Amino acid sequence: MSSVLKVDAIQNTAGTSALTIDSSGFVFPKRPILEVGMDANQTLTNATWTKVAFSNIDHDTASWYDNSAYRYTPQQAGYYQVNLTLYNSDNSNTLLRMIGAINTAGSNYGDHRLWDIDFTFDGATGTTEPQTRSASRMFYMNGSSDFIEAYAWINLNSGSPQILNSGEISRMTVFFVST
């Protein structure tokens, strides 16, 4: 014997929808999503870990992002995919090394590197070309005190490196994947 449950939406007791099912049978769960960008270019101290100032919130479906601390604190335990893209261009200065990383709940962000590009590897002398780097990584968050922050470490031959907002390239997105 089989039974069939026919519904278009599943709600919690307060009446907010957690799941919808369309007429084709596709299921659309409501999940936390974050997309943040920069309001302006950010100048970093050369060869120093610096938190990326993602102050412009494009999407934060759960309102868990603090745009003054540049920190996302998920309140649902589970696995989150974090995507980070940074754009660096310093005109006449030579870029020697560029690292992007994620800090999770005070971890050593060097342990959570998404990329580490050494432009002096194998005898090269660096580059003056603009650089865009993107990467993704999955993190488990405990749903209470764990947080996500983006960090950059950029080394130039002279001057102060910048992360640029040009064309809204520099961004961070976070997606809830599973418990």
N, C-alpha and C. Protein backbone atom coordinates (compact mmCIF):
# COMPACT_ATOMS: atom_id res chain seq x y z
N MET A 1 0.84 -1.18 0.00
CA MET A 1 0.00 0.00 0.00
C MET A 1 0.88 1.24 0.00
N SER A 2 0.58 2.17 -0.85
CA SER A 2 1.33 3.41 -0.88
C SER A 2 0.40 4.57 -0.57
N SER A 3 1.03 5.66 -0.12
CA SER A 3 0.24 6.85 0.15
C SER A 3 0.89 8.03 -0.58
N VAL A 4 0.10 9.04 -0.86
CA VAL A 4 0.56 10.20 -1.60
C VAL A 4 0.22 11.44 -0.79
N LEU A 5 1.21 12.29 -0.64
CA LEU A 5 1.02 13.56 0.03
C LEU A 5 1.08 14.64 -1.05
N LYS A 6 -0.01 15.38 -1.22
CA LYS A 6 -0.06 16.42 -2.25
C LYS A 6 -0.02 17.79 -1.60
N VAL A 7 1.10 18.52 -1.86
CA VAL A 7 1.27 19.87 -1.31
C VAL A 7 1.99 20.74 -2.34
N ASP A 8 1.80 22.04 -2.23
CA ASP A 8 2.54 22.99 -3.05
C ASP A 8 3.65 23.67 -2.24
N ALA A 9 3.48 23.72 -0.93
CA ALA A 9 4.47 24.37 -0.07
C ALA A 9 4.47 23.71 1.30
N ILE A 10 5.62 23.74 1.94
CA ILE A 10 5.75 23.28 3.32
C ILE A 10 6.19 24.48 4.12
N GLN A 11 5.49 24.74 5.22
CA GLN A 11 5.76 25.91 6.05
C GLN A 11 6.06 25.47 7.47
N ASN A 12 6.78 26.36 8.19
CA ASN A 12 6.94 26.10 9.61
C ASN A 12 5.70 26.61 10.34
N THR A 13 5.65 26.44 11.64
CA THR A 13 4.45 26.81 12.40
C THR A 13 4.16 28.31 12.37
N ALA A 14 5.17 29.13 12.10
CA ALA A 14 4.95 30.58 12.00
C ALA A 14 4.40 30.97 10.64
N GLY A 15 4.35 30.03 9.69
CA GLY A 15 3.78 30.31 8.38
C GLY A 15 4.76 30.69 7.30
N THR A 16 6.07 30.67 7.60
CA THR A 16 7.04 31.00 6.56
C THR A 16 7.37 29.75 5.75
N SER A 17 7.45 29.91 4.44
CA SER A 17 7.71 28.78 3.54
C SER A 17 9.16 28.34 3.63
N ALA A 18 9.34 27.03 3.76
CA ALA A 18 10.67 26.45 3.78
C ALA A 18 10.95 25.66 2.51
N LEU A 19 9.87 25.29 1.79
CA LEU A 19 10.02 24.44 0.63
C LEU A 19 8.81 24.62 -0.27
N THR A 20 9.07 24.72 -1.58
CA THR A 20 7.96 24.79 -2.53
C THR A 20 8.18 23.72 -3.60
N ILE A 21 7.07 23.26 -4.17
CA ILE A 21 7.11 22.26 -5.23
C ILE A 21 6.29 22.81 -6.39
N ASP A 22 6.93 22.93 -7.58
CA ASP A 22 6.19 23.50 -8.71
C ASP A 22 5.39 22.41 -9.44
N SER A 23 4.63 22.82 -10.46
CA SER A 23 3.74 21.89 -11.15
C SER A 23 4.48 20.80 -11.93
N SER A 24 5.78 20.99 -12.17
CA SER A 24 6.58 19.96 -12.84
C SER A 24 7.22 18.99 -11.86
N GLY A 25 7.01 19.24 -10.57
CA GLY A 25 7.58 18.37 -9.55
C GLY A 25 8.94 18.78 -9.05
N PHE A 26 9.46 19.94 -9.50
CA PHE A 26 10.74 20.41 -9.00
C PHE A 26 10.57 20.94 -7.58
N VAL A 27 11.52 20.59 -6.71
CA VAL A 27 11.50 21.00 -5.32
C VAL A 27 12.49 22.14 -5.14
N PHE A 28 12.03 23.22 -4.49
CA PHE A 28 12.86 24.39 -4.27
C PHE A 28 12.93 24.69 -2.78
N PRO A 29 13.98 24.20 -2.12
CA PRO A 29 14.12 24.52 -0.70
C PRO A 29 14.65 25.94 -0.51
N LYS A 30 14.27 26.54 0.58
CA LYS A 30 14.80 27.86 0.93
C LYS A 30 16.11 27.63 1.66
N ARG A 31 17.19 28.22 1.14
CA ARG A 31 18.52 28.02 1.71
C ARG A 31 19.21 29.36 1.93
N PRO A 32 20.06 29.44 2.95
CA PRO A 32 20.83 30.66 3.15
C PRO A 32 21.82 30.89 2.00
N ILE A 33 21.84 32.12 1.50
CA ILE A 33 22.74 32.51 0.41
C ILE A 33 23.31 33.89 0.73
N LEU A 34 24.59 34.06 0.46
CA LEU A 34 25.24 35.35 0.65
C LEU A 34 26.00 35.72 -0.61
N GLU A 35 25.88 36.98 -1.02
CA GLU A 35 26.75 37.54 -2.05
C GLU A 35 27.10 38.96 -1.63
N VAL A 36 28.40 39.22 -1.49
CA VAL A 36 28.86 40.55 -1.08
C VAL A 36 29.95 41.02 -2.03
N GLY A 37 30.04 42.33 -2.15
CA GLY A 37 31.06 42.96 -2.98
C GLY A 37 31.66 44.15 -2.25
N MET A 38 32.38 44.96 -2.98
CA MET A 38 33.06 46.11 -2.39
C MET A 38 32.40 47.40 -2.85
N ASP A 39 32.38 48.39 -1.96
CA ASP A 39 31.88 49.71 -2.33
C ASP A 39 32.95 50.55 -3.01
N ALA A 40 34.21 50.24 -2.72
CA ALA A 40 35.33 51.02 -3.27
C ALA A 40 36.58 50.15 -3.29
N ASN A 41 37.61 50.64 -3.96
CA ASN A 41 38.90 49.94 -3.94
C ASN A 41 39.43 49.90 -2.51
N GLN A 42 40.20 48.86 -2.19
CA GLN A 42 40.78 48.74 -0.86
C GLN A 42 42.29 48.67 -0.96
N THR A 43 42.97 49.58 -0.26
CA THR A 43 44.42 49.59 -0.22
C THR A 43 44.90 48.73 0.94
N LEU A 44 45.86 47.85 0.67
CA LEU A 44 46.40 46.95 1.68
C LEU A 44 47.81 47.38 2.05
N THR A 45 48.26 46.93 3.21
CA THR A 45 49.66 47.08 3.57
C THR A 45 50.41 45.97 2.84
N ASN A 46 51.51 46.32 2.20
CA ASN A 46 52.26 45.37 1.39
C ASN A 46 52.72 44.17 2.23
N ALA A 47 52.52 42.97 1.68
CA ALA A 47 52.99 41.71 2.27
C ALA A 47 52.46 41.51 3.69
N THR A 48 51.18 41.86 3.90
CA THR A 48 50.55 41.72 5.22
C THR A 48 49.14 41.16 5.03
N TRP A 49 48.77 40.17 5.85
CA TRP A 49 47.40 39.65 5.79
C TRP A 49 46.42 40.76 6.14
N THR A 50 45.41 40.94 5.28
CA THR A 50 44.42 42.00 5.47
C THR A 50 43.03 41.45 5.18
N LYS A 51 42.09 41.75 6.09
CA LYS A 51 40.71 41.33 5.86
C LYS A 51 40.12 42.14 4.70
N VAL A 52 39.44 41.47 3.78
CA VAL A 52 38.85 42.15 2.63
C VAL A 52 37.56 42.83 3.07
N ALA A 53 37.42 44.11 2.71
CA ALA A 53 36.29 44.93 3.14
C ALA A 53 35.10 44.78 2.20
N PHE A 54 34.43 43.65 2.30
CA PHE A 54 33.21 43.43 1.52
C PHE A 54 32.06 44.11 2.27
N SER A 55 31.78 45.37 1.92
CA SER A 55 30.78 46.14 2.66
C SER A 55 29.45 46.28 1.92
N ASN A 56 29.40 45.83 0.67
CA ASN A 56 28.18 45.95 -0.12
C ASN A 56 27.47 44.60 -0.20
N ILE A 57 26.30 44.49 0.42
CA ILE A 57 25.54 43.24 0.43
C ILE A 57 24.60 43.21 -0.77
N ASP A 58 24.80 42.25 -1.65
CA ASP A 58 23.89 42.05 -2.78
C ASP A 58 22.75 41.11 -2.40
N HIS A 59 23.09 40.00 -1.74
CA HIS A 59 22.09 39.03 -1.29
C HIS A 59 22.53 38.48 0.06
N ASP A 60 21.62 38.47 1.01
CA ASP A 60 21.85 37.83 2.31
C ASP A 60 20.49 37.35 2.79
N THR A 61 20.08 36.19 2.32
CA THR A 61 18.71 35.72 2.54
C THR A 61 18.40 35.44 4.01
N ALA A 62 19.43 35.25 4.83
CA ALA A 62 19.21 34.96 6.25
C ALA A 62 19.63 36.11 7.17
N SER A 63 20.18 37.17 6.61
CA SER A 63 20.64 38.34 7.39
C SER A 63 21.71 37.96 8.42
N TRP A 64 22.67 37.14 8.01
CA TRP A 64 23.74 36.70 8.90
C TRP A 64 25.05 37.44 8.64
N TYR A 65 25.10 38.36 7.67
CA TYR A 65 26.35 39.05 7.35
C TYR A 65 26.43 40.37 8.09
N ASP A 66 27.57 40.62 8.71
CA ASP A 66 27.85 41.89 9.38
C ASP A 66 28.74 42.69 8.45
N ASN A 67 28.17 43.71 7.78
CA ASN A 67 28.96 44.45 6.79
C ASN A 67 29.84 45.53 7.41
N SER A 68 29.88 45.66 8.71
CA SER A 68 30.87 46.53 9.33
C SER A 68 32.07 45.72 9.81
N ALA A 69 31.87 44.46 10.17
CA ALA A 69 32.97 43.56 10.57
C ALA A 69 33.43 42.70 9.40
N TYR A 70 32.68 42.75 8.26
CA TYR A 70 32.98 41.95 7.06
C TYR A 70 33.03 40.46 7.41
N ARG A 71 31.98 40.01 8.11
CA ARG A 71 31.95 38.65 8.65
C ARG A 71 30.57 38.02 8.46
N TYR A 72 30.57 36.76 8.00
CA TYR A 72 29.34 35.97 7.83
C TYR A 72 29.34 34.90 8.91
N THR A 73 28.29 34.90 9.75
CA THR A 73 28.17 33.95 10.86
C THR A 73 26.92 33.11 10.66
N PRO A 74 27.03 31.97 9.98
CA PRO A 74 25.86 31.12 9.73
C PRO A 74 25.25 30.60 11.03
N GLN A 75 23.95 30.66 11.12
CA GLN A 75 23.23 30.18 12.30
C GLN A 75 22.60 28.81 12.06
N GLN A 76 22.94 28.17 10.97
CA GLN A 76 22.51 26.80 10.65
C GLN A 76 23.78 25.96 10.51
N ALA A 77 23.91 24.92 11.32
CA ALA A 77 25.07 24.04 11.22
C ALA A 77 25.05 23.30 9.89
N GLY A 78 26.21 23.11 9.30
CA GLY A 78 26.29 22.36 8.06
C GLY A 78 27.48 22.78 7.22
N TYR A 79 27.48 22.29 5.98
CA TYR A 79 28.55 22.55 5.03
C TYR A 79 28.18 23.73 4.13
N TYR A 80 29.14 24.63 3.96
CA TYR A 80 28.95 25.83 3.15
C TYR A 80 30.04 25.91 2.08
N GLN A 81 29.63 26.22 0.87
CA GLN A 81 30.60 26.48 -0.20
C GLN A 81 30.90 27.97 -0.20
N VAL A 82 32.19 28.29 -0.14
CA VAL A 82 32.65 29.68 -0.15
C VAL A 82 33.40 29.91 -1.45
N ASN A 83 33.01 30.96 -2.17
CA ASN A 83 33.66 31.35 -3.43
C ASN A 83 34.25 32.74 -3.24
N LEU A 84 35.50 32.91 -3.61
CA LEU A 84 36.17 34.19 -3.45
C LEU A 84 36.84 34.58 -4.76
N THR A 85 36.61 35.82 -5.20
CA THR A 85 37.26 36.37 -6.38
C THR A 85 37.85 37.73 -6.01
N LEU A 86 39.12 37.93 -6.30
CA LEU A 86 39.79 39.20 -6.04
C LEU A 86 40.49 39.68 -7.30
N TYR A 87 40.43 41.01 -7.51
CA TYR A 87 41.05 41.64 -8.68
C TYR A 87 42.09 42.62 -8.18
N ASN A 88 43.33 42.47 -8.67
CA ASN A 88 44.44 43.33 -8.27
C ASN A 88 45.08 43.93 -9.52
N SER A 89 45.31 45.24 -9.48
CA SER A 89 46.03 45.91 -10.56
C SER A 89 46.75 47.10 -9.95
N ASP A 90 48.05 47.14 -10.11
CA ASP A 90 48.83 48.21 -9.48
C ASP A 90 49.71 48.97 -10.45
N ASN A 91 49.22 49.08 -11.68
CA ASN A 91 49.87 49.89 -12.71
C ASN A 91 51.35 49.56 -12.86
N SER A 92 52.24 50.47 -12.46
CA SER A 92 53.67 50.29 -12.74
C SER A 92 54.39 49.43 -11.71
N ASN A 93 53.75 49.12 -10.59
CA ASN A 93 54.40 48.28 -9.59
C ASN A 93 54.37 46.82 -10.03
N THR A 94 55.39 46.08 -9.67
CA THR A 94 55.49 44.68 -10.05
C THR A 94 54.88 43.80 -8.97
N LEU A 95 53.93 42.97 -9.36
CA LEU A 95 53.29 42.03 -8.45
C LEU A 95 54.19 40.81 -8.31
N LEU A 96 54.56 40.49 -7.06
CA LEU A 96 55.45 39.37 -6.81
C LEU A 96 54.69 38.13 -6.33
N ARG A 97 53.66 38.34 -5.49
CA ARG A 97 52.92 37.21 -4.94
C ARG A 97 51.53 37.67 -4.52
N MET A 98 50.53 36.77 -4.71
CA MET A 98 49.14 37.09 -4.37
C MET A 98 48.51 35.85 -3.73
N ILE A 99 47.94 36.01 -2.53
CA ILE A 99 47.31 34.91 -1.81
C ILE A 99 45.89 35.33 -1.41
N GLY A 100 44.94 34.45 -1.60
CA GLY A 100 43.57 34.64 -1.12
C GLY A 100 43.24 33.53 -0.15
N ALA A 101 42.59 33.87 0.96
CA ALA A 101 42.31 32.87 1.99
C ALA A 101 41.01 33.17 2.70
N ILE A 102 40.51 32.17 3.40
CA ILE A 102 39.30 32.30 4.21
C ILE A 102 39.66 32.05 5.66
N ASN A 103 39.21 32.94 6.54
CA ASN A 103 39.36 32.78 7.98
C ASN A 103 38.05 32.22 8.50
N THR A 104 38.10 31.11 9.21
CA THR A 104 36.89 30.52 9.79
C THR A 104 37.05 30.45 11.30
N ALA A 105 36.28 31.25 12.01
CA ALA A 105 36.25 31.24 13.48
C ALA A 105 37.63 31.38 14.10
N GLY A 106 38.41 32.30 13.58
CA GLY A 106 39.70 32.58 14.18
C GLY A 106 40.80 31.61 13.79
N SER A 107 40.57 30.80 12.77
CA SER A 107 41.60 29.87 12.30
C SER A 107 42.77 30.65 11.73
N ASN A 108 43.86 29.97 11.54
CA ASN A 108 44.99 30.56 10.84
C ASN A 108 44.62 30.60 9.36
N TYR A 109 44.32 31.79 8.82
CA TYR A 109 43.84 31.87 7.44
C TYR A 109 44.85 31.35 6.44
N GLY A 110 46.11 31.27 6.83
CA GLY A 110 47.09 30.66 5.95
C GLY A 110 46.81 29.18 5.71
N ASP A 111 46.11 28.55 6.67
CA ASP A 111 45.73 27.14 6.51
C ASP A 111 44.56 26.96 5.56
N HIS A 112 43.80 28.01 5.31
CA HIS A 112 42.63 27.95 4.43
C HIS A 112 42.87 28.76 3.16
N ARG A 113 44.04 28.60 2.57
CA ARG A 113 44.36 29.33 1.34
C ARG A 113 43.55 28.77 0.19
N LEU A 114 43.00 29.67 -0.60
CA LEU A 114 42.29 29.28 -1.80
C LEU A 114 43.22 29.31 -3.00
N TRP A 115 44.18 30.22 -2.98
CA TRP A 115 45.22 30.25 -4.00
C TRP A 115 46.44 30.94 -3.42
N ASP A 116 47.59 30.63 -3.99
CA ASP A 116 48.87 31.21 -3.60
C ASP A 116 49.71 31.25 -4.87
N ILE A 117 49.74 32.41 -5.51
CA ILE A 117 50.42 32.56 -6.79
C ILE A 117 51.72 33.33 -6.57
N ASP A 118 52.84 32.68 -6.84
CA ASP A 118 54.16 33.30 -6.73
C ASP A 118 54.63 33.66 -8.14
N PHE A 119 54.64 34.95 -8.44
CA PHE A 119 55.01 35.42 -9.78
C PHE A 119 56.53 35.49 -9.97
N THR A 120 57.30 35.06 -8.95
CA THR A 120 58.76 35.02 -9.08
C THR A 120 59.26 33.59 -9.13
N PHE A 121 58.34 32.64 -9.23
CA PHE A 121 58.70 31.22 -9.27
C PHE A 121 59.56 30.91 -10.49
N ASP A 122 60.52 30.07 -10.30
CA ASP A 122 61.36 29.55 -11.38
C ASP A 122 62.10 30.67 -12.12
N GLY A 123 62.55 31.67 -11.36
CA GLY A 123 63.36 32.73 -11.95
C GLY A 123 62.61 33.89 -12.56
N ALA A 124 61.28 33.87 -12.55
CA ALA A 124 60.50 35.00 -13.09
C ALA A 124 60.70 36.23 -12.21
N THR A 125 60.40 37.39 -12.77
CA THR A 125 60.63 38.65 -12.03
C THR A 125 59.34 39.32 -11.59
N GLY A 126 58.22 38.64 -11.67
CA GLY A 126 56.94 39.24 -11.28
C GLY A 126 56.16 39.65 -12.51
N THR A 127 55.04 40.33 -12.28
CA THR A 127 54.21 40.78 -13.39
C THR A 127 53.62 42.15 -13.09
N THR A 128 53.40 42.92 -14.14
CA THR A 128 52.71 44.21 -14.01
C THR A 128 51.30 44.11 -14.59
N GLU A 129 50.91 42.93 -15.04
CA GLU A 129 49.58 42.73 -15.61
C GLU A 129 48.52 42.63 -14.51
N PRO A 130 47.31 43.16 -14.75
CA PRO A 130 46.22 43.00 -13.78
C PRO A 130 45.95 41.51 -13.53
N GLN A 131 45.59 41.17 -12.32
CA GLN A 131 45.36 39.77 -11.96
C GLN A 131 44.01 39.59 -11.29
N THR A 132 43.25 38.61 -11.77
CA THR A 132 42.01 38.20 -11.14
C THR A 132 42.15 36.73 -10.77
N ARG A 133 41.84 36.41 -9.52
CA ARG A 133 41.92 35.03 -9.06
C ARG A 133 40.60 34.67 -8.40
N SER A 134 40.15 33.45 -8.68
CA SER A 134 38.92 32.92 -8.09
C SER A 134 39.16 31.50 -7.61
N ALA A 135 38.48 31.13 -6.54
CA ALA A 135 38.57 29.76 -6.05
C ALA A 135 37.39 29.49 -5.12
N SER A 136 37.14 28.21 -4.88
CA SER A 136 36.05 27.77 -4.01
C SER A 136 36.57 26.73 -3.03
N ARG A 137 35.90 26.66 -1.90
CA ARG A 137 36.24 25.64 -0.92
C ARG A 137 35.03 25.40 -0.02
N MET A 138 34.89 24.17 0.47
CA MET A 138 33.78 23.80 1.35
C MET A 138 34.27 23.84 2.80
N PHE A 139 33.42 24.40 3.69
CA PHE A 139 33.73 24.48 5.12
C PHE A 139 32.54 24.00 5.92
N TYR A 140 32.82 23.33 7.04
CA TYR A 140 31.75 22.98 7.97
C TYR A 140 31.64 24.10 8.99
N MET A 141 30.42 24.59 9.23
CA MET A 141 30.16 25.64 10.21
C MET A 141 29.26 25.06 11.31
N ASN A 142 29.51 25.42 12.57
CA ASN A 142 28.78 24.83 13.69
C ASN A 142 27.39 25.42 13.91
N GLY A 143 27.05 26.51 13.24
CA GLY A 143 25.71 27.08 13.35
C GLY A 143 25.53 28.04 14.50
N SER A 144 26.61 28.41 15.16
CA SER A 144 26.49 29.37 16.26
C SER A 144 27.67 30.35 16.28
N SER A 145 28.87 29.86 16.55
CA SER A 145 30.01 30.77 16.71
C SER A 145 30.98 30.78 15.53
N ASP A 146 30.92 29.80 14.64
CA ASP A 146 31.82 29.79 13.48
C ASP A 146 31.46 30.94 12.54
N PHE A 147 32.48 31.51 11.91
CA PHE A 147 32.24 32.61 10.97
C PHE A 147 33.17 32.48 9.77
N ILE A 148 32.88 33.27 8.73
CA ILE A 148 33.65 33.26 7.49
C ILE A 148 34.07 34.69 7.18
N GLU A 149 35.38 34.88 6.92
CA GLU A 149 35.92 36.17 6.52
C GLU A 149 36.92 35.93 5.39
N ALA A 150 37.01 36.88 4.47
CA ALA A 150 37.97 36.78 3.37
C ALA A 150 39.22 37.59 3.70
N TYR A 151 40.39 37.03 3.37
CA TYR A 151 41.67 37.70 3.60
C TYR A 151 42.51 37.68 2.33
N ALA A 152 43.36 38.69 2.20
CA ALA A 152 44.29 38.76 1.08
C ALA A 152 45.68 39.10 1.60
N TRP A 153 46.68 38.61 0.89
CA TRP A 153 48.09 38.92 1.14
C TRP A 153 48.70 39.16 -0.22
N ILE A 154 49.13 40.40 -0.46
CA ILE A 154 49.68 40.75 -1.76
C ILE A 154 51.03 41.43 -1.55
N ASN A 155 52.03 40.99 -2.33
CA ASN A 155 53.37 41.53 -2.22
C ASN A 155 53.77 42.18 -3.55
N LEU A 156 54.12 43.47 -3.46
CA LEU A 156 54.61 44.23 -4.62
C LEU A 156 56.09 44.53 -4.44
N ASN A 157 56.77 44.91 -5.53
CA ASN A 157 58.16 45.32 -5.41
C ASN A 157 58.27 46.65 -4.68
N SER A 158 57.24 47.49 -4.75
CA SER A 158 57.19 48.75 -4.01
C SER A 158 55.74 49.23 -3.99
N GLY A 159 55.43 50.11 -3.06
CA GLY A 159 54.10 50.69 -2.99
C GLY A 159 53.12 49.83 -2.20
N SER A 160 51.86 50.23 -2.25
CA SER A 160 50.79 49.55 -1.52
C SER A 160 49.85 48.87 -2.50
N PRO A 161 49.63 47.57 -2.33
CA PRO A 161 48.72 46.86 -3.24
C PRO A 161 47.26 47.28 -3.02
N GLN A 162 46.45 47.05 -4.04
CA GLN A 162 45.02 47.35 -3.95
C GLN A 162 44.21 46.16 -4.44
N ILE A 163 43.06 45.98 -3.80
CA ILE A 163 42.03 45.10 -4.33
C ILE A 163 41.01 46.03 -4.97
N LEU A 164 40.70 45.79 -6.23
CA LEU A 164 39.86 46.72 -6.97
C LEU A 164 38.42 46.25 -7.06
N ASN A 165 37.52 47.24 -7.09
CA ASN A 165 36.10 46.99 -7.23
C ASN A 165 35.67 47.11 -8.69
N SER A 166 36.57 47.35 -9.57
CA SER A 166 36.27 47.59 -10.98
C SER A 166 35.33 46.54 -11.56
N GLY A 167 34.18 46.98 -12.03
CA GLY A 167 33.22 46.07 -12.64
C GLY A 167 32.65 45.05 -11.68
N GLU A 168 32.71 45.33 -10.39
CA GLU A 168 32.22 44.42 -9.35
C GLU A 168 32.85 43.04 -9.46
N ILE A 169 34.12 42.98 -9.80
CA ILE A 169 34.81 41.70 -9.94
C ILE A 169 35.12 41.09 -8.58
N SER A 170 35.63 41.87 -7.65
CA SER A 170 35.99 41.34 -6.33
C SER A 170 34.72 41.05 -5.53
N ARG A 171 34.51 39.74 -5.22
CA ARG A 171 33.26 39.33 -4.58
C ARG A 171 33.49 38.08 -3.72
N MET A 172 32.56 37.86 -2.80
CA MET A 172 32.52 36.61 -2.04
C MET A 172 31.07 36.13 -2.03
N THR A 173 30.88 34.85 -2.31
CA THR A 173 29.57 34.23 -2.21
C THR A 173 29.67 33.02 -1.29
N VAL A 174 28.59 32.77 -0.56
CA VAL A 174 28.53 31.63 0.36
C VAL A 174 27.18 30.96 0.17
N PHE A 175 27.21 29.64 -0.01
CA PHE A 175 25.99 28.85 -0.22
C PHE A 175 25.92 27.72 0.79
N PHE A 176 24.77 27.57 1.42
CA PHE A 176 24.54 26.41 2.28
C PHE A 176 24.36 25.19 1.37
N VAL A 177 25.08 24.10 1.67
CA VAL A 177 25.03 22.90 0.82
C VAL A 177 24.25 21.79 1.50
N SER A 178 24.62 21.45 2.73
CA SER A 178 24.00 20.31 3.39
C SER A 178 24.33 20.31 4.88
N THR A 179 23.49 19.62 5.64
CA THR A 179 23.79 19.46 7.07
C THR A 179 24.78 18.35 7.28
